[in-house]
């Protein structure tokens, strides 16, 4: 879904110290989107899926340090939109 460079940019991280952790989160995103919304793709992600992925990656990586309530509301709305997009 994202390259490691894109993920580091999303997370605003310099350096490669946490690449293995970030790569594991990136790898989990497509299955997470599928299990929460039914959304699956062969590689071309919609803008809604990419935006949801960015927020989810941020929340997973920063966890309790993020403003989780606000971020979760945004994620919930994006996942609903992604579910609706899948039905079109």
PDB file of N, CA and C in Angstrom:
ATOM      1  N   UNK A   1       0.827  -1.191   0.000  1.00  0.00           N
ATOM      2  CA  UNK A   1       0.000   0.000   0.000  1.00  0.00           C
ATOM      3  C   UNK A   1       0.872   1.257   0.000  1.00  0.00           C
ATOM      4  N   UNK A   2       1.889   1.257   0.837  1.00  0.00           N
ATOM      5  CA  UNK A   2       2.856   2.356   0.882  1.00  0.00           C
ATOM      6  C   UNK A   2       4.257   1.770   0.836  1.00  0.00           C
ATOM      7  N   UNK A   3       5.164   2.495   0.236  1.00  0.00           N
ATOM      8  CA  UNK A   3       6.567   2.114   0.326  1.00  0.00           C
ATOM      9  C   UNK A   3       7.073   2.535   1.706  1.00  0.00           C
ATOM     10  N   UNK A   4       8.205   2.023   2.087  1.00  0.00           N
ATOM     11  CA  UNK A   4       8.772   2.403   3.387  1.00  0.00           C
ATOM     12  C   UNK A   4       9.082   3.905   3.405  1.00  0.00           C
ATOM     13  N   UNK A   5       9.507   4.448   2.271  1.00  0.00           N
ATOM     14  CA  UNK A   5       9.799   5.886   2.207  1.00  0.00           C
ATOM     15  C   UNK A   5       8.523   6.705   2.381  1.00  0.00           C
ATOM     16  N   UNK A   6       7.451   6.269   1.733  1.00  0.00           N
ATOM     17  CA  UNK A   6       6.167   6.965   1.890  1.00  0.00           C
ATOM     18  C   UNK A   6       5.694   6.889   3.336  1.00  0.00           C
ATOM     19  N   UNK A   7       5.834   5.726   3.952  1.00  0.00           N
ATOM     20  CA  UNK A   7       5.400   5.560   5.342  1.00  0.00           C
ATOM     21  C   UNK A   7       6.222   6.441   6.276  1.00  0.00           C
ATOM     22  N   UNK A   8       7.540   6.498   6.066  1.00  0.00           N
ATOM     23  CA  UNK A   8       8.369   7.387   6.902  1.00  0.00           C
ATOM     24  C   UNK A   8       7.932   8.831   6.737  1.00  0.00           C
ATOM     25  N   UNK A   9       7.560   9.228   5.525  1.00  0.00           N
ATOM     26  CA  UNK A   9       7.082  10.583   5.277  1.00  0.00           C
ATOM     27  C   UNK A   9       5.749  10.821   5.994  1.00  0.00           C
ATOM     28  N   UNK A  10       4.828   9.870   5.910  1.00  0.00           N
ATOM     29  CA  UNK A  10       3.540   9.979   6.597  1.00  0.00           C
ATOM     30  C   UNK A  10       3.756  10.143   8.099  1.00  0.00           C
ATOM     31  N   UNK A  11       4.685   9.358   8.638  1.00  0.00           N
ATOM     32  CA  UNK A  11       4.948   9.363  10.083  1.00  0.00           C
ATOM     33  C   UNK A  11       5.929  10.452  10.500  1.00  0.00           C
ATOM     34  N   UNK A  12       6.478  11.147   9.513  1.00  0.00           N
ATOM     35  CA  UNK A  12       7.456  12.227   9.763  1.00  0.00           C
ATOM     36  C   UNK A  12       8.666  11.691  10.529  1.00  0.00           C
ATOM     37  N   UNK A  13       9.240  10.615   9.987  1.00  0.00           N
ATOM     38  CA  UNK A  13      10.379   9.951  10.616  1.00  0.00           C
ATOM     39  C   UNK A  13      11.577  10.043   9.687  1.00  0.00           C
ATOM     40  N   UNK A  14      12.709  10.428  10.245  1.00  0.00           N
ATOM     41  CA  UNK A  14      13.981  10.378   9.526  1.00  0.00           C
ATOM     42  C   UNK A  14      14.736   9.157  10.010  1.00  0.00           C
ATOM     43  N   UNK A  15      15.461   8.541   9.132  1.00  0.00           N
ATOM     44  CA  UNK A  15      16.267   7.392   9.515  1.00  0.00           C
ATOM     45  C   UNK A  15      15.517   6.082   9.343  1.00  0.00           C
ATOM     46  N   UNK A  16      16.265   5.002   9.509  1.00  0.00           N
ATOM     47  CA  UNK A  16      15.745   3.667   9.226  1.00  0.00           C
ATOM     48  C   UNK A  16      15.660   2.775  10.462  1.00  0.00           C
ATOM     49  N   UNK A  17      15.855   3.326  11.630  1.00  0.00           N
ATOM     50  CA  UNK A  17      15.901   2.517  12.853  1.00  0.00           C
ATOM     51  C   UNK A  17      14.646   1.688  13.085  1.00  0.00           C
ATOM     52  N   UNK A  18      13.487   2.191  12.721  1.00  0.00           N
ATOM     53  CA  UNK A  18      12.224   1.501  12.989  1.00  0.00           C
ATOM     54  C   UNK A  18      11.592   0.892  11.741  1.00  0.00           C
ATOM     55  N   UNK A  19      12.391   0.697  10.708  1.00  0.00           N
ATOM     56  CA  UNK A  19      11.842   0.201   9.446  1.00  0.00           C
ATOM     57  C   UNK A  19      11.147  -1.148   9.572  1.00  0.00           C
ATOM     58  N   UNK A  20      11.665  -2.053  10.357  1.00  0.00           N
ATOM     59  CA  UNK A  20      11.020  -3.365  10.457  1.00  0.00           C
ATOM     60  C   UNK A  20       9.630  -3.247  11.082  1.00  0.00           C
ATOM     61  N   UNK A  21       9.493  -2.393  12.079  1.00  0.00           N
ATOM     62  CA  UNK A  21       8.182  -2.164  12.693  1.00  0.00           C
ATOM     63  C   UNK A  21       7.225  -1.499  11.701  1.00  0.00           C
ATOM     64  N   UNK A  22       7.722  -0.512  10.990  1.00  0.00           N
ATOM     65  CA  UNK A  22       6.895   0.203  10.014  1.00  0.00           C
ATOM     66  C   UNK A  22       6.486  -0.725   8.875  1.00  0.00           C
ATOM     67  N   UNK A  23       7.410  -1.549   8.397  1.00  0.00           N
ATOM     68  CA  UNK A  23       7.090  -2.484   7.320  1.00  0.00           C
ATOM     69  C   UNK A  23       6.015  -3.484   7.743  1.00  0.00           C
ATOM     70  N   UNK A  24       6.048  -3.919   8.995  1.00  0.00           N
ATOM     71  CA  UNK A  24       5.013  -4.833   9.492  1.00  0.00           C
ATOM     72  C   UNK A  24       3.646  -4.153   9.508  1.00  0.00           C
ATOM     73  N   UNK A  25       3.611  -2.886   9.884  1.00  0.00           N
ATOM     74  CA  UNK A  25       2.351  -2.145   9.885  1.00  0.00           C
ATOM     75  C   UNK A  25       1.831  -1.945   8.465  1.00  0.00           C
ATOM     76  N   UNK A  26       2.731  -1.614   7.547  1.00  0.00           N
ATOM     77  CA  UNK A  26       2.349  -1.449   6.140  1.00  0.00           C
ATOM     78  C   UNK A  26       1.755  -2.752   5.610  1.00  0.00           C
ATOM     79  N   UNK A  27       2.398  -3.858   5.924  1.00  0.00           N
ATOM     80  CA  UNK A  27       1.937  -5.167   5.438  1.00  0.00           C
ATOM     81  C   UNK A  27       0.556  -5.518   5.978  1.00  0.00           C
ATOM     82  N   UNK A  28       0.228  -5.047   7.180  1.00  0.00           N
ATOM     83  CA  UNK A  28      -1.053  -5.366   7.807  1.00  0.00           C
ATOM     84  C   UNK A  28      -2.211  -4.520   7.271  1.00  0.00           C
ATOM     85  N   UNK A  29      -1.921  -3.382   6.681  1.00  0.00           N
ATOM     86  CA  UNK A  29      -2.975  -2.462   6.252  1.00  0.00           C
ATOM     87  C   UNK A  29      -3.968  -3.052   5.242  1.00  0.00           C
ATOM     88  N   UNK A  30      -3.535  -3.681   4.157  1.00  0.00           N
ATOM     89  CA  UNK A  30      -4.524  -4.194   3.197  1.00  0.00           C
ATOM     90  C   UNK A  30      -5.495  -5.201   3.810  1.00  0.00           C
ATOM     91  N   UNK A  31      -4.998  -6.121   4.615  1.00  0.00           N
ATOM     92  CA  UNK A  31      -5.897  -7.091   5.259  1.00  0.00           C
ATOM     93  C   UNK A  31      -6.833  -6.402   6.242  1.00  0.00           C
ATOM     94  N   UNK A  32      -6.330  -5.403   6.955  1.00  0.00           N
ATOM     95  CA  UNK A  32      -7.176  -4.665   7.892  1.00  0.00           C
ATOM     96  C   UNK A  32      -8.321  -3.988   7.140  1.00  0.00           C
ATOM     97  N   UNK A  33      -7.996  -3.324   6.042  1.00  0.00           N
ATOM     98  CA  UNK A  33      -9.046  -2.671   5.251  1.00  0.00           C
ATOM     99  C   UNK A  33     -10.043  -3.686   4.724  1.00  0.00           C
ATOM    100  N   UNK A  34      -9.550  -4.839   4.308  1.00  0.00           N
ATOM    101  CA  UNK A  34     -10.455  -5.875   3.803  1.00  0.00           C
ATOM    102  C   UNK A  34     -11.385  -6.377   4.904  1.00  0.00           C
ATOM    103  N   UNK A  35     -10.838  -6.673   6.068  1.00  0.00           N
ATOM    104  CA  UNK A  35     -11.650  -7.244   7.144  1.00  0.00           C
ATOM    105  C   UNK A  35     -12.605  -6.236   7.773  1.00  0.00           C
ATOM    106  N   UNK A  36     -12.284  -4.964   7.700  1.00  0.00           N
ATOM    107  CA  UNK A  36     -13.186  -3.961   8.280  1.00  0.00           C
ATOM    108  C   UNK A  36     -14.205  -3.427   7.287  1.00  0.00           C
ATOM    109  N   UNK A  37     -13.891  -3.493   5.978  1.00  0.00           N
ATOM    110  CA  UNK A  37     -14.789  -2.885   4.989  1.00  0.00           C
ATOM    111  C   UNK A  37     -15.136  -3.792   3.809  1.00  0.00           C
ATOM    112  N   UNK A  38     -14.393  -4.860   3.624  1.00  0.00           N
ATOM    113  CA  UNK A  38     -14.576  -5.695   2.452  1.00  0.00           C
ATOM    114  C   UNK A  38     -13.819  -5.172   1.243  1.00  0.00           C
ATOM    115  N   UNK A  39     -13.073  -4.084   1.409  1.00  0.00           N
ATOM    116  CA  UNK A  39     -12.334  -3.455   0.309  1.00  0.00           C
ATOM    117  C   UNK A  39     -11.078  -4.249   0.001  1.00  0.00           C
ATOM    118  N   UNK A  40     -10.938  -4.648  -1.261  1.00  0.00           N
ATOM    119  CA  UNK A  40      -9.728  -5.331  -1.702  1.00  0.00           C
ATOM    120  C   UNK A  40      -9.380  -4.825  -3.091  1.00  0.00           C
ATOM    121  N   UNK A  41      -8.085  -4.727  -3.345  1.00  0.00           N
ATOM    122  CA  UNK A  41      -7.615  -4.269  -4.648  1.00  0.00           C
ATOM    123  C   UNK A  41      -6.379  -5.057  -5.037  1.00  0.00           C
ATOM    124  N   UNK A  42      -6.065  -5.022  -6.296  1.00  0.00           N
ATOM    125  CA  UNK A  42      -4.855  -5.674  -6.793  1.00  0.00           C
ATOM    126  C   UNK A  42      -3.691  -4.697  -6.898  1.00  0.00           C
ATOM    127  N   UNK A  43      -3.806  -3.566  -6.259  1.00  0.00           N
ATOM    128  CA  UNK A  43      -2.676  -2.645  -6.251  1.00  0.00           C
ATOM    129  C   UNK A  43      -3.013  -1.184  -6.425  1.00  0.00           C
ATOM    130  N   UNK A  44      -4.087  -0.867  -7.126  1.00  0.00           N
ATOM    131  CA  UNK A  44      -4.463   0.528  -7.298  1.00  0.00           C
ATOM    132  C   UNK A  44      -5.471   0.907  -6.216  1.00  0.00           C
ATOM    133  N   UNK A  45      -4.985   1.580  -5.190  1.00  0.00           N
ATOM    134  CA  UNK A  45      -5.849   1.970  -4.077  1.00  0.00           C
ATOM    135  C   UNK A  45      -6.567   3.268  -4.398  1.00  0.00           C
ATOM    136  N   UNK A  46      -7.816   3.356  -3.994  1.00  0.00           N
ATOM    137  CA  UNK A  46      -8.581   4.586  -4.184  1.00  0.00           C
ATOM    138  C   UNK A  46      -8.033   5.664  -3.248  1.00  0.00           C
ATOM    139  N   UNK A  47      -8.316   6.925  -3.549  1.00  0.00           N
ATOM    140  CA  UNK A  47      -7.896   8.000  -2.650  1.00  0.00           C
ATOM    141  C   UNK A  47      -8.434   7.828  -1.230  1.00  0.00           C
ATOM    142  N   UNK A  48      -9.654   7.325  -1.096  1.00  0.00           N
ATOM    143  CA  UNK A  48     -10.229   7.106   0.240  1.00  0.00           C
ATOM    144  C   UNK A  48      -9.434   6.029   0.980  1.00  0.00           C
ATOM    145  N   UNK A  49      -9.086   4.946   0.292  1.00  0.00           N
ATOM    146  CA  UNK A  49      -8.317   3.865   0.913  1.00  0.00           C
ATOM    147  C   UNK A  49      -6.937   4.362   1.338  1.00  0.00           C
ATOM    148  N   UNK A  50      -6.291   5.156   0.495  1.00  0.00           N
ATOM    149  CA  UNK A  50      -4.971   5.684   0.844  1.00  0.00           C
ATOM    150  C   UNK A  50      -5.036   6.631   2.036  1.00  0.00           C
ATOM    151  N   UNK A  51      -6.063   7.466   2.062  1.00  0.00           N
ATOM    152  CA  UNK A  51      -6.210   8.385   3.193  1.00  0.00           C
ATOM    153  C   UNK A  51      -6.487   7.622   4.479  1.00  0.00           C
ATOM    154  N   UNK A  52      -7.372   6.646   4.409  1.00  0.00           N
ATOM    155  CA  UNK A  52      -7.637   5.809   5.584  1.00  0.00           C
ATOM    156  C   UNK A  52      -6.362   5.119   6.026  1.00  0.00           C
ATOM    157  N   UNK A  53      -5.605   4.597   5.075  1.00  0.00           N
ATOM    158  CA  UNK A  53      -4.350   3.928   5.396  1.00  0.00           C
ATOM    159  C   UNK A  53      -3.365   4.841   6.108  1.00  0.00           C
ATOM    160  N   UNK A  54      -3.296   6.088   5.678  1.00  0.00           N
ATOM    161  CA  UNK A  54      -2.392   7.053   6.330  1.00  0.00           C
ATOM    162  C   UNK A  54      -2.790   7.284   7.784  1.00  0.00           C
ATOM    163  N   UNK A  55      -4.076   7.498   8.026  1.00  0.00           N
ATOM    164  CA  UNK A  55      -4.535   7.733   9.400  1.00  0.00           C
ATOM    165  C   UNK A  55      -4.356   6.486  10.266  1.00  0.00           C
ATOM    166  N   UNK A  56      -4.645   5.319   9.719  1.00  0.00           N
ATOM    167  CA  UNK A  56      -4.497   4.074  10.482  1.00  0.00           C
ATOM    168  C   UNK A  56      -3.034   3.835  10.806  1.00  0.00           C
ATOM    169  N   UNK A  57      -2.162   4.026   9.825  1.00  0.00           N
ATOM    170  CA  UNK A  57      -0.720   3.866  10.061  1.00  0.00           C
ATOM    171  C   UNK A  57      -0.257   4.796  11.172  1.00  0.00           C
ATOM    172  N   UNK A  58      -0.691   6.037  11.134  1.00  0.00           N
ATOM    173  CA  UNK A  58      -0.327   7.022  12.159  1.00  0.00           C
ATOM    174  C   UNK A  58      -0.796   6.556  13.538  1.00  0.00           C
ATOM    175  N   UNK A  59      -2.039   6.132  13.608  1.00  0.00           N
ATOM    176  CA  UNK A  59      -2.589   5.700  14.899  1.00  0.00           C
ATOM    177  C   UNK A  59      -1.880   4.456  15.413  1.00  0.00           C
ATOM    178  N   UNK A  60      -1.652   3.488  14.556  1.00  0.00           N
ATOM    179  CA  UNK A  60      -0.967   2.264  14.988  1.00  0.00           C
ATOM    180  C   UNK A  60       0.450   2.552  15.452  1.00  0.00           C
ATOM    181  N   UNK A  61       1.157   3.414  14.734  1.00  0.00           N
ATOM    182  CA  UNK A  61       2.555   3.675  15.064  1.00  0.00           C
ATOM    183  C   UNK A  61       2.688   4.493  16.348  1.00  0.00           C
ATOM    184  N   UNK A  62       1.895   5.534  16.471  1.00  0.00           N
ATOM    185  CA  UNK A  62       2.033   6.427  17.620  1.00  0.00           C
ATOM    186  C   UNK A  62       1.164   6.037  18.803  1.00  0.00           C
ATOM    187  N   UNK A  63       0.165   5.184  18.572  1.00  0.00           N
ATOM    188  CA  UNK A  63      -0.644   4.640  19.654  1.00  0.00           C
ATOM    189  C   UNK A  63      -1.132   5.662  20.645  1.00  0.00           C
ATOM    190  N   UNK A  64      -0.755   5.470  21.890  1.00  0.00           N
ATOM    191  CA  UNK A  64      -1.255   6.336  22.962  1.00  0.00           C
ATOM    192  C   UNK A  64      -0.716   7.750  22.890  1.00  0.00           C
ATOM    193  N   UNK A  65       0.296   8.004  22.090  1.00  0.00           N
ATOM    194  CA  UNK A  65       0.831   9.357  21.960  1.00  0.00           C
ATOM    195  C   UNK A  65       0.021  10.202  20.981  1.00  0.00           C
ATOM    196  N   UNK A  66      -0.832   9.550  20.200  1.00  0.00           N
ATOM    197  CA  UNK A  66      -1.672  10.267  19.232  1.00  0.00           C
ATOM    198  C   UNK A  66      -2.955  10.718  19.920  1.00  0.00           C
ATOM    199  N   UNK A  67      -3.617  11.663  19.315  1.00  0.00           N
ATOM    200  CA  UNK A  67      -4.926  12.097  19.807  1.00  0.00           C
ATOM    201  C   UNK A  67      -5.936  11.072  19.304  1.00  0.00           C
ATOM    202  N   UNK A  68      -5.982   9.925  19.965  1.00  0.00           N
ATOM    203  CA  UNK A  68      -6.674   8.749  19.448  1.00  0.00           C
ATOM    204  C   UNK A  68      -8.166   8.957  19.216  1.00  0.00           C
ATOM    205  N   UNK A  69      -8.844   9.701  20.062  1.00  0.00           N
ATOM    206  CA  UNK A  69     -10.287   9.896  19.868  1.00  0.00           C
ATOM    207  C   UNK A  69     -10.587  10.625  18.565  1.00  0.00           C
ATOM    208  N   UNK A  70      -9.867  11.713  18.312  1.00  0.00           N
ATOM    209  CA  UNK A  70     -10.093  12.476  17.085  1.00  0.00           C
ATOM    210  C   UNK A  70      -9.691  11.664  15.862  1.00  0.00           C
ATOM    211  N   UNK A  71      -8.552  11.016  15.936  1.00  0.00           N
ATOM    212  CA  UNK A  71      -8.085  10.223  14.801  1.00  0.00           C
ATOM    213  C   UNK A  71      -9.030   9.061  14.543  1.00  0.00           C
ATOM    214  N   UNK A  72      -9.531   8.421  15.586  1.00  0.00           N
ATOM    215  CA  UNK A  72     -10.440   7.296  15.401  1.00  0.00           C
ATOM    216  C   UNK A  72     -11.741   7.730  14.739  1.00  0.00           C
ATOM    217  N   UNK A  73     -12.230   8.921  15.071  1.00  0.00           N
ATOM    218  CA  UNK A  73     -13.449   9.419  14.416  1.00  0.00           C
ATOM    219  C   UNK A  73     -13.221   9.606  12.918  1.00  0.00           C
ATOM    220  N   UNK A  74     -12.063  10.146  12.568  1.00  0.00           N
ATOM    221  CA  UNK A  74     -11.736  10.326  11.153  1.00  0.00           C
ATOM    222  C   UNK A  74     -11.634   8.969  10.468  1.00  0.00           C
ATOM    223  N   UNK A  75     -10.932   8.025  11.103  1.00  0.00           N
ATOM    224  CA  UNK A  75     -10.787   6.682  10.538  1.00  0.00           C
ATOM    225  C   UNK A  75     -12.152   6.033  10.345  1.00  0.00           C
ATOM    226  N   UNK A  76     -13.008   6.131  11.339  1.00  0.00           N
ATOM    227  CA  UNK A  76     -14.347   5.535  11.233  1.00  0.00           C
ATOM    228  C   UNK A  76     -15.113   6.088  10.039  1.00  0.00           C
ATOM    229  N   UNK A  77     -15.047   7.388   9.839  1.00  0.00           N
ATOM    230  CA  UNK A  77     -15.736   8.007   8.702  1.00  0.00           C
ATOM    231  C   UNK A  77     -15.139   7.530   7.381  1.00  0.00           C
ATOM    232  N   UNK A  78     -13.823   7.444   7.321  1.00  0.00           N
ATOM    233  CA  UNK A  78     -13.175   6.981   6.093  1.00  0.00           C
ATOM    234  C   UNK A  78     -13.509   5.521   5.803  1.00  0.00           C
ATOM    235  N   UNK A  79     -13.563   4.685   6.834  1.00  0.00           N
ATOM    236  CA  UNK A  79     -13.907   3.281   6.631  1.00  0.00           C
ATOM    237  C   UNK A  79     -15.348   3.130   6.155  1.00  0.00           C
ATOM    238  N   UNK A  80     -16.243   3.972   6.665  1.00  0.00           N
ATOM    239  CA  UNK A  80     -17.634   3.950   6.173  1.00  0.00           C
ATOM    240  C   UNK A  80     -17.680   4.351   4.704  1.00  0.00           C
ATOM    241  N   UNK A  81     -16.932   5.382   4.349  1.00  0.00           N
ATOM    242  CA  UNK A  81     -16.888   5.811   2.953  1.00  0.00           C
ATOM    243  C   UNK A  81     -16.280   4.736   2.070  1.00  0.00           C
ATOM    244  N   UNK A  82     -15.279   4.055   2.565  1.00  0.00           N
ATOM    245  CA  UNK A  82     -14.653   2.984   1.801  1.00  0.00           C
ATOM    246  C   UNK A  82     -15.608   1.810   1.608  1.00  0.00           C
ATOM    247  N   UNK A  83     -16.385   1.501   2.632  1.00  0.00           N
ATOM    248  CA  UNK A  83     -17.400   0.460   2.500  1.00  0.00           C
ATOM    249  C   UNK A  83     -18.427   0.827   1.442  1.00  0.00           C
ATOM    250  N   UNK A  84     -18.854   2.078   1.457  1.00  0.00           N
ATOM    251  CA  UNK A  84     -19.826   2.546   0.463  1.00  0.00           C
ATOM    252  C   UNK A  84     -19.220   2.553  -0.930  1.00  0.00           C
ATOM    253  N   UNK A  85     -17.950   2.921  -1.030  1.00  0.00           N
ATOM    254  CA  UNK A  85     -17.259   2.945  -2.321  1.00  0.00           C
ATOM    255  C   UNK A  85     -17.197   1.540  -2.923  1.00  0.00           C
ATOM    256  N   UNK A  86     -16.989   0.559  -2.093  1.00  0.00           N
ATOM    257  CA  UNK A  86     -16.896  -0.823  -2.527  1.00  0.00           C
ATOM    258  C   UNK A  86     -18.216  -1.291  -3.128  1.00  0.00           C
ATOM    259  N   UNK A  87     -19.312  -0.760  -2.617  1.00  0.00           N
ATOM    260  CA  UNK A  87     -20.639  -1.189  -3.072  1.00  0.00           C
ATOM    261  C   UNK A  87     -21.052  -0.553  -4.392  1.00  0.00           C
ATOM    262  N   UNK A  88     -20.324   0.463  -4.842  1.00  0.00           N
ATOM    263  CA  UNK A  88     -20.699   1.144  -6.099  1.00  0.00           C
ATOM    264  C   UNK A  88     -20.393   0.299  -7.305  1.00  0.00           C
TER     265      UNK A  88
END
